[in-house]
Every structure is written in C-alpha cells, then in structure tokens.
C-alpha cells in the first residue's frame, strides 16, 4: 500500500517550492539558505526573537515527583497519560 506522502509527492514538492519562493521574496535569504539553515539561524537572520509557548500538564509535577521517589506507574497508566498528552498537543 502506497503512503499518502508518496502518492502526493508532486503536490508536496510544488507546495514546498512555492513556500520557499514566498519566503525568499520577503527576506534576503535564498531558497538554498532557507532549505539548509537551521530554523534558529533563519530566525536570527531575519530578526525574529520567538518566545516559546509554555505548555504544562497537570500531571507533570506528580510524574516528576513519582520518578524521583521511585514510585513508577504501571504500563497501562503510562499509556493512558501518553495518549492524553498526544491529545493535548494536537489541540495546540
């Protein structure tokens, strides 16, 4: 079975080229620069000082404390928390 990424490779390449072209047009970076530089270098070059959004989960402190006190959770609880975290992240 062919993945969506493989099936839509031409469309993705077209969109990628359009994005690079658009960014290149509004900055003094070339397409090659944009493709090859780390995002932090691009941000510094164009003067962006991002402030990362703080994401906290209520259970993080309890989890941290549990690990520090060697009170580990079972696999079912761990899986449940991972799924909850994935759901929270998808909502951002």
PDB file of N, CA and C in Angstrom:
ATOM      1  N   UNK A   1       0.843  -1.183   0.000  1.00  0.00           N
ATOM      2  CA  UNK A   1       0.000   0.000   0.000  1.00  0.00           C
ATOM      3  C   UNK A   1       0.890   1.249   0.000  1.00  0.00           C
ATOM      4  N   UNK A   2       0.627   2.127  -0.907  1.00  0.00           N
ATOM      5  CA  UNK A   2       1.427   3.341  -1.058  1.00  0.00           C
ATOM      6  C   UNK A   2       0.952   4.405  -0.070  1.00  0.00           C
ATOM      7  N   UNK A   3       1.895   5.067   0.584  1.00  0.00           N
ATOM      8  CA  UNK A   3       1.518   6.087   1.567  1.00  0.00           C
ATOM      9  C   UNK A   3       1.024   7.351   0.879  1.00  0.00           C
ATOM     10  N   UNK A   4       0.304   8.174   1.650  1.00  0.00           N
ATOM     11  CA  UNK A   4      -0.199   9.453   1.122  1.00  0.00           C
ATOM     12  C   UNK A   4       0.949  10.349   0.684  1.00  0.00           C
ATOM     13  N   UNK A   5       2.050  10.319   1.437  1.00  0.00           N
ATOM     14  CA  UNK A   5       3.187  11.165   1.089  1.00  0.00           C
ATOM     15  C   UNK A   5       3.761  10.788  -0.270  1.00  0.00           C
ATOM     16  N   UNK A   6       3.833   9.491  -0.540  1.00  0.00           N
ATOM     17  CA  UNK A   6       4.380   9.041  -1.824  1.00  0.00           C
ATOM     18  C   UNK A   6       3.404   9.371  -2.946  1.00  0.00           C
ATOM     19  N   UNK A   7       2.116   9.134  -2.706  1.00  0.00           N
ATOM     20  CA  UNK A   7       1.112   9.409  -3.738  1.00  0.00           C
ATOM     21  C   UNK A   7       1.057  10.888  -4.095  1.00  0.00           C
ATOM     22  N   UNK A   8       1.290  11.746  -3.121  1.00  0.00           N
ATOM     23  CA  UNK A   8       1.171  13.183  -3.345  1.00  0.00           C
ATOM     24  C   UNK A   8       2.521  13.883  -3.431  1.00  0.00           C
ATOM     25  N   UNK A   9       3.542  13.143  -3.792  1.00  0.00           N
ATOM     26  CA  UNK A   9       4.893  13.687  -3.828  1.00  0.00           C
ATOM     27  C   UNK A   9       4.988  14.927  -4.723  1.00  0.00           C
ATOM     28  N   UNK A  10       4.412  14.874  -5.899  1.00  0.00           N
ATOM     29  CA  UNK A  10       4.472  16.026  -6.821  1.00  0.00           C
ATOM     30  C   UNK A  10       3.800  17.258  -6.219  1.00  0.00           C
ATOM     31  N   UNK A  11       2.646  17.062  -5.595  1.00  0.00           N
ATOM     32  CA  UNK A  11       1.938  18.178  -4.966  1.00  0.00           C
ATOM     33  C   UNK A  11       2.763  18.762  -3.822  1.00  0.00           C
ATOM     34  N   UNK A  12       3.356  17.876  -3.023  1.00  0.00           N
ATOM     35  CA  UNK A  12       4.164  18.337  -1.892  1.00  0.00           C
ATOM     36  C   UNK A  12       5.394  19.104  -2.373  1.00  0.00           C
ATOM     37  N   UNK A  13       6.024  18.619  -3.412  1.00  0.00           N
ATOM     38  CA  UNK A  13       7.189  19.327  -3.955  1.00  0.00           C
ATOM     39  C   UNK A  13       6.787  20.690  -4.494  1.00  0.00           C
ATOM     40  N   UNK A  14       5.632  20.779  -5.142  1.00  0.00           N
ATOM     41  CA  UNK A  14       5.131  22.049  -5.674  1.00  0.00           C
ATOM     42  C   UNK A  14       4.867  23.038  -4.536  1.00  0.00           C
ATOM     43  N   UNK A  15       4.207  22.560  -3.480  1.00  0.00           N
ATOM     44  CA  UNK A  15       3.913  23.416  -2.329  1.00  0.00           C
ATOM     45  C   UNK A  15       5.202  23.849  -1.644  1.00  0.00           C
ATOM     46  N   UNK A  16       6.135  22.925  -1.498  1.00  0.00           N
ATOM     47  CA  UNK A  16       7.419  23.235  -0.879  1.00  0.00           C
ATOM     48  C   UNK A  16       8.135  24.328  -1.669  1.00  0.00           C
ATOM     49  N   UNK A  17       8.158  24.200  -2.981  1.00  0.00           N
ATOM     50  CA  UNK A  17       8.814  25.205  -3.822  1.00  0.00           C
ATOM     51  C   UNK A  17       8.119  26.560  -3.704  1.00  0.00           C
ATOM     52  N   UNK A  18       6.790  26.554  -3.661  1.00  0.00           N
ATOM     53  CA  UNK A  18       6.044  27.813  -3.511  1.00  0.00           C
ATOM     54  C   UNK A  18       6.332  28.477  -2.171  1.00  0.00           C
ATOM     55  N   UNK A  19       6.404  27.678  -1.111  1.00  0.00           N
ATOM     56  CA  UNK A  19       6.720  28.227   0.210  1.00  0.00           C
ATOM     57  C   UNK A  19       8.122  28.831   0.230  1.00  0.00           C
ATOM     58  N   UNK A  20       9.082  28.102  -0.302  1.00  0.00           N
ATOM     59  CA  UNK A  20      10.453  28.617  -0.353  1.00  0.00           C
ATOM     60  C   UNK A  20      10.529  29.906  -1.163  1.00  0.00           C
ATOM     61  N   UNK A  21       9.832  29.939  -2.273  1.00  0.00           N
ATOM     62  CA  UNK A  21       9.810  31.130  -3.135  1.00  0.00           C
ATOM     63  C   UNK A  21       9.186  32.309  -2.399  1.00  0.00           C
ATOM     64  N   UNK A  22       8.078  32.082  -1.717  1.00  0.00           N
ATOM     65  CA  UNK A  22       7.397  33.149  -0.978  1.00  0.00           C
ATOM     66  C   UNK A  22       8.283  33.711   0.126  1.00  0.00           C
ATOM     67  N   UNK A  23       8.915  32.831   0.888  1.00  0.00           N
ATOM     68  CA  UNK A  23       9.792  33.281   1.968  1.00  0.00           C
ATOM     69  C   UNK A  23      10.995  34.013   1.408  1.00  0.00           C
ATOM     70  N   UNK A  24      11.531  33.494   0.325  1.00  0.00           N
ATOM     71  CA  UNK A  24      12.687  34.121  -0.320  1.00  0.00           C
ATOM     72  C   UNK A  24      12.349  35.522  -0.826  1.00  0.00           C
ATOM     73  N   UNK A  25      11.119  35.707  -1.302  1.00  0.00           N
ATOM     74  CA  UNK A  25      10.695  37.009  -1.828  1.00  0.00           C
ATOM     75  C   UNK A  25      10.563  38.076  -0.744  1.00  0.00           C
ATOM     76  N   UNK A  26      10.264  37.676   0.487  1.00  0.00           N
ATOM     77  CA  UNK A  26      10.073  38.674   1.540  1.00  0.00           C
ATOM     78  C   UNK A  26      11.273  38.792   2.481  1.00  0.00           C
ATOM     79  N   UNK A  27      12.316  38.014   2.225  1.00  0.00           N
ATOM     80  CA  UNK A  27      13.548  38.100   3.008  1.00  0.00           C
ATOM     81  C   UNK A  27      14.718  38.198   2.037  1.00  0.00           C
ATOM     82  N   UNK A  28      15.905  38.378   2.580  1.00  0.00           N
ATOM     83  CA  UNK A  28      17.068  38.365   1.695  1.00  0.00           C
ATOM     84  C   UNK A  28      17.757  37.007   1.700  1.00  0.00           C
ATOM     85  N   UNK A  29      17.022  35.986   2.108  1.00  0.00           N
ATOM     86  CA  UNK A  29      17.549  34.624   2.092  1.00  0.00           C
ATOM     87  C   UNK A  29      17.205  33.954   0.763  1.00  0.00           C
ATOM     88  N   UNK A  30      18.117  33.122   0.294  1.00  0.00           N
ATOM     89  CA  UNK A  30      17.843  32.364  -0.926  1.00  0.00           C
ATOM     90  C   UNK A  30      17.069  31.097  -0.563  1.00  0.00           C
ATOM     91  N   UNK A  31      16.526  30.455  -1.573  1.00  0.00           N
ATOM     92  CA  UNK A  31      15.832  29.191  -1.341  1.00  0.00           C
ATOM     93  C   UNK A  31      16.781  28.170  -0.707  1.00  0.00           C
ATOM     94  N   UNK A  32      18.011  28.173  -1.170  1.00  0.00           N
ATOM     95  CA  UNK A  32      19.012  27.241  -0.630  1.00  0.00           C
ATOM     96  C   UNK A  32      19.266  27.528   0.851  1.00  0.00           C
ATOM     97  N   UNK A  33      19.386  28.816   1.201  1.00  0.00           N
ATOM     98  CA  UNK A  33      19.569  29.186   2.611  1.00  0.00           C
ATOM     99  C   UNK A  33      18.409  28.670   3.463  1.00  0.00           C
ATOM    100  N   UNK A  34      17.212  28.928   2.987  1.00  0.00           N
ATOM    101  CA  UNK A  34      16.018  28.543   3.741  1.00  0.00           C
ATOM    102  C   UNK A  34      15.951  27.030   3.908  1.00  0.00           C
ATOM    103  N   UNK A  35      16.303  26.316   2.878  1.00  0.00           N
ATOM    104  CA  UNK A  35      16.249  24.858   2.922  1.00  0.00           C
ATOM    105  C   UNK A  35      17.332  24.277   3.831  1.00  0.00           C
ATOM    106  N   UNK A  36      18.504  24.909   3.867  1.00  0.00           N
ATOM    107  CA  UNK A  36      19.646  24.302   4.551  1.00  0.00           C
ATOM    108  C   UNK A  36      19.945  24.840   5.950  1.00  0.00           C
ATOM    109  N   UNK A  37      19.549  26.066   6.241  1.00  0.00           N
ATOM    110  CA  UNK A  37      19.845  26.640   7.553  1.00  0.00           C
ATOM    111  C   UNK A  37      18.916  26.079   8.621  1.00  0.00           C
ATOM    112  N   UNK A  38      19.398  26.011   9.844  1.00  0.00           N
ATOM    113  CA  UNK A  38      18.538  25.645  10.968  1.00  0.00           C
ATOM    114  C   UNK A  38      17.555  26.782  11.201  1.00  0.00           C
ATOM    115  N   UNK A  39      16.396  26.451  11.734  1.00  0.00           N
ATOM    116  CA  UNK A  39      15.361  27.458  11.963  1.00  0.00           C
ATOM    117  C   UNK A  39      15.860  28.571  12.872  1.00  0.00           C
ATOM    118  N   UNK A  40      16.702  28.223  13.856  1.00  0.00           N
ATOM    119  CA  UNK A  40      17.237  29.236  14.766  1.00  0.00           C
ATOM    120  C   UNK A  40      18.099  30.247  14.004  1.00  0.00           C
ATOM    121  N   UNK A  41      18.879  29.768  13.033  1.00  0.00           N
ATOM    122  CA  UNK A  41      19.719  30.655  12.227  1.00  0.00           C
ATOM    123  C   UNK A  41      18.872  31.554  11.329  1.00  0.00           C
ATOM    124  N   UNK A  42      17.810  30.997  10.782  1.00  0.00           N
ATOM    125  CA  UNK A  42      16.906  31.796   9.940  1.00  0.00           C
ATOM    126  C   UNK A  42      16.245  32.882  10.786  1.00  0.00           C
ATOM    127  N   UNK A  43      15.779  32.507  11.976  1.00  0.00           N
ATOM    128  CA  UNK A  43      15.136  33.480  12.860  1.00  0.00           C
ATOM    129  C   UNK A  43      16.095  34.605  13.231  1.00  0.00           C
ATOM    130  N   UNK A  44      17.334  34.263  13.562  1.00  0.00           N
ATOM    131  CA  UNK A  44      18.327  35.291  13.886  1.00  0.00           C
ATOM    132  C   UNK A  44      18.573  36.198  12.691  1.00  0.00           C
ATOM    133  N   UNK A  45      18.673  35.596  11.510  1.00  0.00           N
ATOM    134  CA  UNK A  45      18.970  36.359  10.292  1.00  0.00           C
ATOM    135  C   UNK A  45      17.875  37.381   9.975  1.00  0.00           C
ATOM    136  N   UNK A  46      16.618  36.991  10.187  1.00  0.00           N
ATOM    137  CA  UNK A  46      15.525  37.909   9.845  1.00  0.00           C
ATOM    138  C   UNK A  46      15.033  38.703  11.058  1.00  0.00           C
ATOM    139  N   UNK A  47      15.671  38.496  12.226  1.00  0.00           N
ATOM    140  CA  UNK A  47      15.354  39.308  13.406  1.00  0.00           C
ATOM    141  C   UNK A  47      14.159  38.853  14.201  1.00  0.00           C
ATOM    142  N   UNK A  48      13.852  37.595  14.152  1.00  0.00           N
ATOM    143  CA  UNK A  48      12.740  37.064  14.927  1.00  0.00           C
ATOM    144  C   UNK A  48      13.282  36.562  16.260  1.00  0.00           C
ATOM    145  N   UNK A  49      12.651  36.998  17.330  1.00  0.00           N
ATOM    146  CA  UNK A  49      13.016  36.528  18.658  1.00  0.00           C
ATOM    147  C   UNK A  49      11.811  35.819  19.258  1.00  0.00           C
ATOM    148  N   UNK A  50      11.621  34.569  18.879  1.00  0.00           N
ATOM    149  CA  UNK A  50      10.413  33.870  19.335  1.00  0.00           C
ATOM    150  C   UNK A  50      10.457  33.556  20.815  1.00  0.00           C
ATOM    151  N   UNK A  51       9.292  33.630  21.412  1.00  0.00           N
ATOM    152  CA  UNK A  51       9.148  33.208  22.799  1.00  0.00           C
ATOM    153  C   UNK A  51       8.306  31.939  22.756  1.00  0.00           C
ATOM    154  N   UNK A  52       8.918  30.825  23.094  1.00  0.00           N
ATOM    155  CA  UNK A  52       8.150  29.573  23.016  1.00  0.00           C
ATOM    156  C   UNK A  52       6.976  29.592  23.971  1.00  0.00           C
ATOM    157  N   UNK A  53       5.873  29.041  23.508  1.00  0.00           N
ATOM    158  CA  UNK A  53       4.709  28.973  24.382  1.00  0.00           C
ATOM    159  C   UNK A  53       4.981  27.912  25.448  1.00  0.00           C
ATOM    160  N   UNK A  54       4.530  28.215  26.638  1.00  0.00           N
ATOM    161  CA  UNK A  54       4.741  27.291  27.739  1.00  0.00           C
ATOM    162  C   UNK A  54       3.576  26.321  27.789  1.00  0.00           C
ATOM    163  N   UNK A  55       3.905  25.070  27.743  1.00  0.00           N
ATOM    164  CA  UNK A  55       2.892  24.026  27.819  1.00  0.00           C
ATOM    165  C   UNK A  55       3.159  23.228  29.078  1.00  0.00           C
ATOM    166  N   UNK A  56       2.191  23.192  29.932  1.00  0.00           N
ATOM    167  CA  UNK A  56       2.318  22.437  31.165  1.00  0.00           C
ATOM    168  C   UNK A  56       1.155  21.466  31.265  1.00  0.00           C
ATOM    169  N   UNK A  57       1.435  20.326  31.764  1.00  0.00           N
ATOM    170  CA  UNK A  57       0.399  19.342  32.018  1.00  0.00           C
ATOM    171  C   UNK A  57       0.311  19.146  33.516  1.00  0.00           C
ATOM    172  N   UNK A  58      -0.897  19.082  34.015  1.00  0.00           N
ATOM    173  CA  UNK A  58      -1.108  18.991  35.457  1.00  0.00           C
ATOM    174  C   UNK A  58      -0.383  17.803  36.068  1.00  0.00           C
ATOM    175  N   UNK A  59      -0.311  16.715  35.313  1.00  0.00           N
ATOM    176  CA  UNK A  59       0.283  15.511  35.884  1.00  0.00           C
ATOM    177  C   UNK A  59       1.803  15.529  35.829  1.00  0.00           C
ATOM    178  N   UNK A  60       2.407  16.511  35.146  1.00  0.00           N
ATOM    179  CA  UNK A  60       3.864  16.515  35.002  1.00  0.00           C
ATOM    180  C   UNK A  60       4.590  16.574  36.339  1.00  0.00           C
ATOM    181  N   UNK A  61       4.161  17.473  37.213  1.00  0.00           N
ATOM    182  CA  UNK A  61       4.836  17.576  38.505  1.00  0.00           C
ATOM    183  C   UNK A  61       4.683  16.300  39.314  1.00  0.00           C
ATOM    184  N   UNK A  62       3.501  15.721  39.290  1.00  0.00           N
ATOM    185  CA  UNK A  62       3.292  14.469  40.019  1.00  0.00           C
ATOM    186  C   UNK A  62       4.144  13.362  39.413  1.00  0.00           C
ATOM    187  N   UNK A  63       4.234  13.338  38.093  1.00  0.00           N
ATOM    188  CA  UNK A  63       5.050  12.326  37.421  1.00  0.00           C
ATOM    189  C   UNK A  63       6.517  12.501  37.781  1.00  0.00           C
ATOM    190  N   UNK A  64       6.969  13.733  37.768  1.00  0.00           N
ATOM    191  CA  UNK A  64       8.359  14.021  38.110  1.00  0.00           C
ATOM    192  C   UNK A  64       8.650  13.576  39.540  1.00  0.00           C
ATOM    193  N   UNK A  65       7.750  13.914  40.428  1.00  0.00           N
ATOM    194  CA  UNK A  65       7.927  13.528  41.826  1.00  0.00           C
ATOM    195  C   UNK A  65       7.930  12.008  41.967  1.00  0.00           C
ATOM    196  N   UNK A  66       7.046  11.348  41.222  1.00  0.00           N
ATOM    197  CA  UNK A  66       6.987   9.889  41.271  1.00  0.00           C
ATOM    198  C   UNK A  66       8.287   9.251  40.819  1.00  0.00           C
ATOM    199  N   UNK A  67       8.858   9.768  39.747  1.00  0.00           N
ATOM    200  CA  UNK A  67      10.125   9.218  39.257  1.00  0.00           C
ATOM    201  C   UNK A  67      11.237   9.480  40.268  1.00  0.00           C
ATOM    202  N   UNK A  68      11.224  10.657  40.868  1.00  0.00           N
ATOM    203  CA  UNK A  68      12.276  10.977  41.832  1.00  0.00           C
ATOM    204  C   UNK A  68      12.186  10.101  43.078  1.00  0.00           C
ATOM    205  N   UNK A  69      10.979   9.715  43.439  1.00  0.00           N
ATOM    206  CA  UNK A  69      10.798   8.883  44.628  1.00  0.00           C
ATOM    207  C   UNK A  69      10.707   7.406  44.281  1.00  0.00           C
ATOM    208  N   UNK A  70      11.005   7.085  43.012  1.00  0.00           N
ATOM    209  CA  UNK A  70      10.970   5.706  42.518  1.00  0.00           C
ATOM    210  C   UNK A  70       9.604   5.049  42.668  1.00  0.00           C
ATOM    211  N   UNK A  71       8.566   5.861  42.524  1.00  0.00           N
ATOM    212  CA  UNK A  71       7.201   5.339  42.530  1.00  0.00           C
ATOM    213  C   UNK A  71       6.718   5.329  41.083  1.00  0.00           C
ATOM    214  N   UNK A  72       7.084   4.296  40.366  1.00  0.00           N
ATOM    215  CA  UNK A  72       6.769   4.214  38.943  1.00  0.00           C
ATOM    216  C   UNK A  72       5.316   3.817  38.722  1.00  0.00           C
ATOM    217  N   UNK A  73       4.767   4.257  37.598  1.00  0.00           N
ATOM    218  CA  UNK A  73       3.401   3.883  37.245  1.00  0.00           C
ATOM    219  C   UNK A  73       3.442   2.626  36.385  1.00  0.00           C
ATOM    220  N   UNK A  74       2.326   1.914  36.357  1.00  0.00           N
ATOM    221  CA  UNK A  74       2.295   0.715  35.522  1.00  0.00           C
ATOM    222  C   UNK A  74       2.131   1.101  34.056  1.00  0.00           C
ATOM    223  N   UNK A  75       2.287   0.127  33.178  1.00  0.00           N
ATOM    224  CA  UNK A  75       2.281   0.393  31.736  1.00  0.00           C
ATOM    225  C   UNK A  75       0.944   0.952  31.263  1.00  0.00           C
ATOM    226  N   UNK A  76      -0.152   0.470  31.814  1.00  0.00           N
ATOM    227  CA  UNK A  76      -1.471   0.985  31.405  1.00  0.00           C
ATOM    228  C   UNK A  76      -1.622   2.467  31.739  1.00  0.00           C
ATOM    229  N   UNK A  77      -1.196   2.861  32.931  1.00  0.00           N
ATOM    230  CA  UNK A  77      -1.279   4.264  33.329  1.00  0.00           C
ATOM    231  C   UNK A  77      -0.361   5.119  32.461  1.00  0.00           C
ATOM    232  N   UNK A  78       0.829   4.599  32.187  1.00  0.00           N
ATOM    233  CA  UNK A  78       1.777   5.318  31.333  1.00  0.00           C
ATOM    234  C   UNK A  78       1.180   5.530  29.947  1.00  0.00           C
ATOM    235  N   UNK A  79       0.606   4.491  29.360  1.00  0.00           N
ATOM    236  CA  UNK A  79      -0.009   4.587  28.029  1.00  0.00           C
ATOM    237  C   UNK A  79      -1.165   5.579  28.042  1.00  0.00           C
ATOM    238  N   UNK A  80      -1.967   5.532  29.085  1.00  0.00           N
ATOM    239  CA  UNK A  80      -3.100   6.458  29.221  1.00  0.00           C
ATOM    240  C   UNK A  80      -2.605   7.909  29.251  1.00  0.00           C
ATOM    241  N   UNK A  81      -1.551   8.161  30.000  1.00  0.00           N
ATOM    242  CA  UNK A  81      -1.007   9.516  30.092  1.00  0.00           C
ATOM    243  C   UNK A  81      -0.396   9.960  28.771  1.00  0.00           C
ATOM    244  N   UNK A  82       0.273   9.052  28.085  1.00  0.00           N
ATOM    245  CA  UNK A  82       0.849   9.384  26.776  1.00  0.00           C
ATOM    246  C   UNK A  82      -0.251   9.771  25.794  1.00  0.00           C
ATOM    247  N   UNK A  83      -1.335   9.022  25.779  1.00  0.00           N
ATOM    248  CA  UNK A  83      -2.454   9.327  24.875  1.00  0.00           C
ATOM    249  C   UNK A  83      -3.065  10.680  25.222  1.00  0.00           C
ATOM    250  N   UNK A  84      -3.196  10.959  26.525  1.00  0.00           N
ATOM    251  CA  UNK A  84      -3.741  12.244  26.956  1.00  0.00           C
ATOM    252  C   UNK A  84      -2.832  13.382  26.522  1.00  0.00           C
ATOM    253  N   UNK A  85      -1.518  13.194  26.634  1.00  0.00           N
ATOM    254  CA  UNK A  85      -0.579  14.223  26.215  1.00  0.00           C
ATOM    255  C   UNK A  85      -0.648  14.426  24.705  1.00  0.00           C
ATOM    256  N   UNK A  86      -0.728  13.344  23.938  1.00  0.00           N
ATOM    257  CA  UNK A  86      -0.858  13.469  22.482  1.00  0.00           C
ATOM    258  C   UNK A  86      -2.114  14.250  22.111  1.00  0.00           C
ATOM    259  N   UNK A  87      -3.207  13.972  22.813  1.00  0.00           N
ATOM    260  CA  UNK A  87      -4.474  14.697  22.553  1.00  0.00           C
ATOM    261  C   UNK A  87      -4.300  16.185  22.848  1.00  0.00           C
ATOM    262  N   UNK A  88      -3.663  16.508  23.970  1.00  0.00           N
ATOM    263  CA  UNK A  88      -3.430  17.917  24.329  1.00  0.00           C
ATOM    264  C   UNK A  88      -2.576  18.611  23.275  1.00  0.00           C
ATOM    265  N   UNK A  89      -1.523  17.944  22.821  1.00  0.00           N
ATOM    266  CA  UNK A  89      -0.628  18.550  21.840  1.00  0.00           C
ATOM    267  C   UNK A  89      -1.328  18.774  20.503  1.00  0.00           C
ATOM    268  N   UNK A  90      -2.212  17.864  20.116  1.00  0.00           N
ATOM    269  CA  UNK A  90      -2.936  18.040  18.849  1.00  0.00           C
ATOM    270  C   UNK A  90      -3.871  19.239  18.900  1.00  0.00           C
ATOM    271  N   UNK A  91      -4.282  19.643  20.098  1.00  0.00           N
ATOM    272  CA  UNK A  91      -5.207  20.772  20.243  1.00  0.00           C
ATOM    273  C   UNK A  91      -4.505  22.123  20.228  1.00  0.00           C
ATOM    274  N   UNK A  92      -3.165  22.136  20.264  1.00  0.00           N
ATOM    275  CA  UNK A  92      -2.437  23.410  20.278  1.00  0.00           C
ATOM    276  C   UNK A  92      -2.472  24.073  18.920  1.00  0.00           C
TER     277      UNK A  92
END
